[in-house]
Amino acid sequence: MEGVRRRERRALAKAITLLESTRADHRARADALLNALLPHTGQAIRLGISGVPGVGKSTFIEALGLFLIAQGHRVAVLAIDPSSSVSGGSILGDKTRMEFLSVNEAAYIRPSPASGTLGGVAEKTREAMLVCEAAGYDVVIVETVGVGQSETAVAGMTDMFVLLQLPNAGDDLQAIKKGVMELADLVVINKADLDAAAATRAQAQITSALRVFNFHGHPAQSGDRWQPQVMQISALKAQGVDAFWTMVQNFHAKRRAGGEFDARRQQQSLAWMWDIVHARLRADFDHHPAVRQALPQTLRDVSDARIAPSAAARALLNLFEQSKR
């Protein structure tokens, strides 16, 4: 704890490694560490960055990180890498891509494997965010895998969710079909320098799609509430990064003024607690002796339509509950 508070990189790395451990004794130490660090957390801006592979997330994060450091900020990047469903391994290459940011003393980059966690977000990402905040990093960026439900998970643990798009993102209908658009607080058209006309078209189409969401998916918002925005940048040329950061600051000012910022943080803390409870209950259920004994035959019965899935689920739950009485 003292090493983290002194901003020692080695202590920070060891703390996050401890949080990621699955050993029971390590978990007890990790919980004690988190509770000790908790009073020193909560002051950072938490940004979630997502987008399809190839959209330039790493380039954008490096350009943003270097810009913020020049402004006097300290930046932590938690990059979540997809884990192979075949080998279980991850490349963890994001740090290699951010060659200038990774060697900057005011930056800390931590690649972590998704490890099959729902949403492609490393299970311990929330805890790693708190440790980084306690170590004095005032901007924490979470970069998602960019596939599956990762966007939903990251949007639920950050203050602002940013979606990166390519200039040729498709027509209006394609923009509306992407459910992730509903989560975005800000949509950024990256690589706008490659085709200015295509980038402008994409900005208009996505703006139109967001307007549809406001009409149909959300209640009407008053003038002092944040409306999702769309902007163009070129991360490779560092063009528009300053305008992006201005947009982030405006977002935080409006959310804080309306009381939404603190309310969202509180909701996220409660959701985090229940996620852990559900995960522990599922683990206890999976390792229950009676359930494990009955499970193979139950799976065969459901697969062969000899028993209804709902009835099978209740039978397994009854076996689990009987031992708890």
Protein backbone atom coordinates (compact mmCIF):
# COMPACT_ATOMS: atom_id res chain seq x y z
CA MET A 1 0.00 0.00 0.00
CA GLU A 2 2.77 2.43 0.92
CA GLY A 3 4.61 1.67 -2.33
CA VAL A 4 1.49 2.34 -4.38
CA ARG A 5 0.90 5.63 -2.55
CA ARG A 6 4.53 6.61 -3.22
CA ARG A 7 3.83 6.02 -6.93
CA GLU A 8 6.37 3.20 -7.22
CA ARG A 9 5.76 1.39 -10.52
CA ARG A 10 6.99 -1.95 -9.18
CA ALA A 11 4.60 -1.79 -6.22
CA LEU A 12 1.73 -0.88 -8.58
CA ALA A 13 2.52 -3.81 -10.87
CA LYS A 14 2.77 -6.24 -7.95
CA ALA A 15 -0.51 -4.95 -6.50
CA ILE A 16 -2.39 -5.58 -9.76
CA THR A 17 -0.79 -9.02 -10.07
CA LEU A 18 -2.02 -9.79 -6.55
CA LEU A 19 -5.54 -8.69 -7.53
CA GLU A 20 -5.48 -10.96 -10.58
CA SER A 21 -4.43 -14.02 -8.58
CA THR A 22 -7.04 -16.75 -8.01
CA ARG A 23 -5.42 -18.15 -4.85
CA ALA A 24 -7.60 -17.85 -1.75
CA ASP A 25 -4.80 -16.44 0.44
CA HIS A 26 -3.94 -13.88 -2.24
CA ARG A 27 -7.61 -12.90 -2.49
CA ALA A 28 -7.72 -12.13 1.24
CA ARG A 29 -4.61 -9.95 0.95
CA ALA A 30 -6.00 -8.24 -2.16
CA ASP A 31 -9.25 -7.38 -0.37
CA ALA A 32 -7.30 -5.89 2.55
CA LEU A 33 -5.17 -3.86 0.12
CA LEU A 34 -8.24 -2.54 -1.73
CA ASN A 35 -9.95 -1.47 1.49
CA ALA A 36 -6.79 0.34 2.61
CA LEU A 37 -6.44 2.15 -0.73
CA LEU A 38 -10.14 3.00 -1.12
CA PRO A 39 -9.97 6.43 0.65
CA HIS A 40 -7.37 7.52 -1.93
CA THR A 41 -9.47 6.60 -5.00
CA GLY A 42 -12.32 8.15 -6.97
CA GLN A 43 -10.61 11.36 -8.13
CA ALA A 44 -9.64 10.21 -11.62
CA ILE A 45 -11.53 10.56 -14.87
CA ARG A 46 -12.39 7.07 -16.11
CA LEU A 47 -12.62 6.74 -19.89
CA GLY A 48 -13.78 3.64 -21.76
CA ILE A 49 -12.46 3.35 -25.33
CA SER A 50 -13.89 0.81 -27.76
CA GLY A 51 -14.13 0.14 -31.48
CA VAL A 52 -13.67 -2.62 -34.01
CA PRO A 53 -10.17 -4.07 -34.56
CA GLY A 54 -8.24 -1.84 -36.94
CA VAL A 55 -10.02 1.38 -36.02
CA GLY A 56 -6.85 2.71 -34.38
CA LYS A 57 -7.60 2.43 -30.66
CA SER A 58 -3.97 2.06 -29.60
CA THR A 59 -2.83 4.94 -31.82
CA PHE A 60 -5.60 7.14 -30.47
CA ILE A 61 -4.87 6.28 -26.84
CA GLU A 62 -1.16 6.99 -27.32
CA ALA A 63 -1.86 10.37 -28.95
CA LEU A 64 -4.34 11.23 -26.19
CA GLY A 65 -2.00 10.04 -23.43
CA LEU A 66 0.95 12.08 -24.70
CA PHE A 67 -1.28 15.15 -25.04
CA LEU A 68 -2.60 14.76 -21.48
CA ILE A 69 0.88 14.27 -20.03
CA ALA A 70 1.97 17.48 -21.74
CA GLN A 71 -0.94 19.15 -19.92
CA GLY A 72 0.37 17.88 -16.56
CA HIS A 73 -1.80 14.76 -16.16
CA ARG A 74 -0.73 11.24 -15.24
CA VAL A 75 -2.31 8.54 -17.40
CA ALA A 76 -2.96 4.85 -16.73
CA VAL A 77 -4.08 2.55 -19.55
CA LEU A 78 -5.70 -0.81 -18.83
CA ALA A 79 -5.70 -2.66 -22.15
CA ILE A 80 -7.82 -5.81 -22.28
CA ASP A 81 -6.58 -8.41 -24.77
CA PRO A 82 -8.77 -11.22 -26.11
CA SER A 83 -7.87 -14.69 -24.86
CA SER A 84 -7.76 -17.53 -27.34
CA SER A 85 -10.64 -20.00 -26.97
CA VAL A 86 -8.27 -22.72 -28.22
CA SER A 87 -5.01 -22.18 -26.35
CA GLY A 88 -6.24 -19.82 -23.63
CA GLY A 89 -3.33 -17.46 -24.31
CA SER A 90 -3.17 -13.76 -25.16
CA ILE A 91 -0.70 -11.72 -27.18
CA LEU A 92 -0.85 -8.68 -24.89
CA GLY A 93 0.56 -6.51 -27.66
CA ASP A 94 -1.07 -3.15 -26.91
CA LYS A 95 1.90 -1.97 -24.86
CA THR A 96 4.18 -2.67 -27.84
CA ARG A 97 1.98 -0.54 -30.10
CA MET A 98 2.18 2.45 -27.73
CA GLU A 99 5.95 2.68 -27.98
CA PHE A 100 6.26 6.35 -26.93
CA LEU A 101 3.60 6.36 -24.22
CA SER A 102 4.86 3.13 -22.66
CA VAL A 103 8.29 4.63 -21.86
CA ASN A 104 6.92 7.88 -20.43
CA GLU A 105 7.36 8.19 -16.67
CA ALA A 106 3.92 9.80 -16.26
CA ALA A 107 2.15 6.87 -17.94
CA TYR A 108 1.42 3.32 -16.85
CA ILE A 109 0.16 0.69 -19.32
CA ARG A 110 -1.11 -2.66 -18.12
CA PRO A 111 -2.24 -5.26 -20.67
CA SER A 112 -4.44 -7.99 -19.17
CA PRO A 113 -6.01 -11.09 -20.73
CA ALA A 114 -9.79 -11.21 -20.97
CA SER A 115 -9.59 -14.86 -19.83
CA GLY A 116 -13.06 -15.66 -21.07
CA THR A 117 -14.73 -13.16 -18.75
CA LEU A 118 -18.19 -12.06 -19.91
CA GLY A 119 -17.85 -9.02 -22.12
CA GLY A 120 -14.17 -9.55 -22.84
CA VAL A 121 -13.24 -7.35 -19.90
CA ALA A 122 -10.66 -8.68 -17.48
CA GLU A 123 -12.41 -9.69 -14.29
CA LYS A 124 -10.17 -7.53 -12.13
CA THR A 125 -10.25 -4.38 -14.29
CA ARG A 126 -12.39 -2.48 -11.77
CA GLU A 127 -9.94 -3.27 -8.99
CA ALA A 128 -6.94 -2.33 -11.13
CA MET A 129 -8.62 1.05 -11.81
CA LEU A 130 -8.78 1.77 -8.09
CA VAL A 131 -5.12 0.89 -7.55
CA CYS A 132 -4.08 3.17 -10.42
CA GLU A 133 -6.14 6.01 -8.94
CA ALA A 134 -4.54 5.48 -5.53
CA ALA A 135 -1.13 5.70 -7.24
CA GLY A 136 -1.95 9.20 -8.44
CA TYR A 137 -3.07 8.61 -12.01
CA ASP A 138 -5.80 11.16 -12.65
CA VAL A 139 -6.92 9.79 -16.04
CA VAL A 140 -7.60 6.05 -16.30
CA ILE A 141 -8.34 4.66 -19.76
CA VAL A 142 -9.86 1.20 -20.26
CA GLU A 143 -9.39 -0.14 -23.79
CA THR A 144 -11.76 -2.98 -24.64
CA VAL A 145 -11.37 -5.99 -26.88
CA GLY A 146 -13.86 -4.37 -29.25
CA VAL A 147 -15.98 -7.47 -29.81
CA GLY A 148 -18.99 -9.12 -28.17
CA GLN A 149 -20.41 -7.59 -25.00
CA SER A 150 -17.20 -5.87 -23.89
CA GLU A 151 -18.66 -2.47 -24.66
CA THR A 152 -21.55 -3.01 -22.22
CA ALA A 153 -19.17 -4.08 -19.46
CA VAL A 154 -16.80 -1.13 -19.92
CA ALA A 155 -19.64 1.40 -20.23
CA GLY A 156 -20.78 0.14 -16.83
CA MET A 157 -17.47 0.81 -15.10
CA THR A 158 -16.32 4.12 -16.61
CA ASP A 159 -17.52 7.72 -16.46
CA MET A 160 -17.54 8.26 -20.21
CA PHE A 161 -17.77 5.66 -22.96
CA VAL A 162 -16.12 6.58 -26.26
CA LEU A 163 -16.74 4.61 -29.46
CA LEU A 164 -14.22 4.87 -32.30
CA GLN A 165 -15.53 4.44 -35.84
CA LEU A 166 -13.97 4.34 -39.30
CA PRO A 167 -14.97 6.87 -42.00
CA ASN A 168 -16.60 4.16 -44.13
CA ALA A 169 -18.85 2.88 -41.36
CA GLY A 170 -21.84 2.08 -43.58
CA ASP A 171 -25.17 3.77 -44.26
CA ASP A 172 -27.74 5.17 -41.84
CA LEU A 173 -29.39 1.79 -41.30
CA GLN A 174 -26.06 0.13 -40.50
CA ALA A 175 -25.31 2.85 -37.96
CA ILE A 176 -28.67 2.34 -36.25
CA LYS A 177 -28.25 -1.46 -36.20
CA LYS A 178 -25.12 -1.25 -34.07
CA GLY A 179 -26.53 -1.58 -30.57
CA VAL A 180 -23.28 -0.31 -29.07
CA MET A 181 -24.17 3.14 -30.43
CA GLU A 182 -26.77 3.45 -27.69
CA LEU A 183 -24.04 3.18 -25.05
CA ALA A 184 -21.76 5.84 -26.51
CA ASP A 185 -21.40 9.22 -24.84
CA LEU A 186 -19.11 10.31 -27.65
CA VAL A 187 -18.51 8.81 -31.11
CA VAL A 188 -15.15 9.58 -32.70
CA ILE A 189 -14.55 9.16 -36.44
CA ASN A 190 -10.85 8.23 -36.53
CA LYS A 191 -8.57 8.30 -39.59
CA ALA A 192 -10.56 11.26 -40.90
CA ASP A 193 -7.47 12.41 -42.83
CA LEU A 194 -7.69 9.42 -45.20
CA ASP A 195 -11.00 10.47 -46.76
CA ALA A 196 -12.45 13.78 -45.57
CA ALA A 197 -15.69 13.34 -47.55
CA ALA A 198 -16.31 9.84 -46.17
CA ALA A 199 -15.58 11.04 -42.63
CA THR A 200 -18.09 13.89 -43.00
CA ARG A 201 -20.72 11.47 -44.36
CA ALA A 202 -20.11 9.08 -41.46
CA GLN A 203 -20.43 11.93 -38.96
CA ALA A 204 -23.79 12.95 -40.45
CA GLN A 205 -25.08 9.35 -40.54
CA ILE A 206 -24.07 8.58 -36.97
CA THR A 207 -25.49 11.91 -35.74
CA SER A 208 -28.76 10.93 -37.40
CA ALA A 209 -28.66 7.50 -35.75
CA LEU A 210 -28.05 9.02 -32.31
CA ARG A 211 -31.00 11.35 -32.87
CA VAL A 212 -33.21 8.31 -33.52
CA PHE A 213 -32.04 6.75 -30.24
CA ASN A 214 -32.91 9.94 -28.37
CA PHE A 215 -36.42 9.92 -29.83
CA HIS A 216 -37.16 6.24 -29.28
CA GLY A 217 -34.79 4.80 -26.69
CA HIS A 218 -34.42 7.57 -24.14
CA PRO A 219 -36.65 10.18 -22.54
CA ALA A 220 -36.37 13.73 -23.77
CA GLN A 221 -33.38 15.42 -22.21
CA SER A 222 -33.31 18.98 -20.99
CA GLY A 223 -30.87 21.52 -22.36
CA ASP A 224 -28.41 21.17 -19.48
CA ARG A 225 -28.06 17.40 -19.98
CA TRP A 226 -25.29 15.90 -22.10
CA GLN A 227 -26.32 14.88 -25.60
CA PRO A 228 -24.11 12.24 -27.31
CA GLN A 229 -21.75 13.94 -29.76
CA VAL A 230 -19.93 12.90 -32.95
CA MET A 231 -16.54 14.32 -33.95
CA GLN A 232 -13.69 13.66 -36.39
CA ILE A 233 -10.01 13.20 -35.55
CA SER A 234 -6.78 11.83 -36.96
CA ALA A 235 -4.97 10.07 -34.14
CA LEU A 236 -1.96 9.29 -36.35
CA LYS A 237 -1.41 13.00 -37.00
CA ALA A 238 -2.62 14.00 -33.50
CA GLN A 239 -5.25 16.23 -35.10
CA GLY A 240 -8.36 16.90 -33.03
CA VAL A 241 -7.01 15.40 -29.79
CA ASP A 242 -7.26 18.76 -28.01
CA ALA A 243 -10.89 19.13 -29.18
CA PHE A 244 -11.59 15.62 -27.92
CA TRP A 245 -10.27 16.46 -24.44
CA THR A 246 -12.34 19.66 -24.38
CA MET A 247 -15.39 17.51 -25.17
CA VAL A 248 -14.51 15.18 -22.26
CA GLN A 249 -14.21 18.11 -19.87
CA ASN A 250 -17.56 19.52 -21.02
CA PHE A 251 -19.14 16.12 -20.47
CA HIS A 252 -17.83 15.91 -16.90
CA ALA A 253 -18.87 19.46 -16.10
CA LYS A 254 -22.45 18.83 -17.22
CA ARG A 255 -22.68 15.44 -15.46
CA ARG A 256 -21.35 16.85 -12.20
CA ALA A 257 -23.62 19.92 -12.36
CA GLY A 258 -26.67 17.70 -12.77
CA GLY A 259 -25.65 15.26 -10.01
CA GLU A 260 -25.46 12.40 -12.52
CA PHE A 261 -21.74 11.84 -12.07
CA ASP A 262 -21.91 10.87 -8.38
CA ALA A 263 -25.12 8.88 -8.90
CA ARG A 264 -23.49 6.85 -11.67
CA ARG A 265 -20.42 6.11 -9.55
CA GLN A 266 -22.67 4.87 -6.71
CA GLN A 267 -24.66 2.65 -9.08
CA GLN A 268 -21.45 1.20 -10.49
CA SER A 269 -20.17 0.32 -7.01
CA LEU A 270 -23.40 -1.53 -6.17
CA ALA A 271 -23.41 -3.31 -9.55
CA TRP A 272 -19.79 -4.35 -8.94
CA MET A 273 -20.73 -5.84 -5.57
CA TRP A 274 -23.60 -7.87 -7.07
CA ASP A 275 -21.40 -9.08 -9.94
CA ILE A 276 -18.99 -10.56 -7.39
CA VAL A 277 -21.86 -12.13 -5.43
CA HIS A 278 -23.30 -13.73 -8.57
CA ALA A 279 -19.89 -14.99 -9.67
CA ARG A 280 -19.23 -16.55 -6.25
CA LEU A 281 -22.66 -18.20 -6.15
CA ARG A 282 -22.13 -19.62 -9.63
CA ALA A 283 -18.71 -20.96 -8.61
CA ASP A 284 -20.18 -22.58 -5.48
CA PHE A 285 -22.95 -24.12 -7.58
CA ASP A 286 -20.53 -25.49 -10.19
CA HIS A 287 -18.32 -27.10 -7.52
CA HIS A 288 -21.14 -28.57 -5.42
CA PRO A 289 -20.64 -32.38 -5.17
CA ALA A 290 -24.31 -33.32 -5.67
CA VAL A 291 -24.67 -30.93 -8.60
CA ARG A 292 -21.49 -32.22 -10.26
CA GLN A 293 -22.68 -35.79 -9.88
CA ALA A 294 -26.10 -35.11 -11.39
CA LEU A 295 -24.97 -32.69 -14.08
CA PRO A 296 -23.75 -35.10 -16.82
CA GLN A 297 -27.02 -37.05 -16.91
CA THR A 298 -29.07 -33.86 -16.64
CA LEU A 299 -27.23 -32.36 -19.62
CA ARG A 300 -27.93 -35.49 -21.67
CA ASP A 301 -31.60 -35.44 -20.70
CA VAL A 302 -31.97 -31.80 -21.74
CA SER A 303 -30.05 -32.32 -24.98
CA ASP A 304 -32.23 -35.31 -25.90
CA ALA A 305 -35.45 -33.48 -24.96
CA ARG A 306 -36.31 -35.96 -22.18
CA ILE A 307 -36.70 -33.17 -19.65
CA ALA A 308 -37.56 -29.47 -19.99
CA PRO A 309 -34.64 -27.08 -19.41
CA SER A 310 -36.63 -25.20 -16.74
CA ALA A 311 -37.39 -28.42 -14.88
CA ALA A 312 -33.75 -29.50 -15.11
CA ALA A 313 -32.58 -26.16 -13.74
CA ARG A 314 -34.97 -26.38 -10.78
CA ALA A 315 -33.86 -29.96 -10.04
CA LEU A 316 -30.19 -28.90 -9.94
CA LEU A 317 -31.02 -25.87 -7.79
CA ASN A 318 -32.94 -28.09 -5.37
CA LEU A 319 -29.89 -30.34 -5.02
CA PHE A 320 -27.75 -27.28 -4.29
CA GLU A 321 -30.21 -25.79 -1.80
CA GLN A 322 -30.74 -29.01 0.16
CA SER A 323 -27.16 -28.99 1.40
CA LYS A 324 -27.48 -25.36 2.49
CA ARG A 325 -30.38 -25.99 4.85
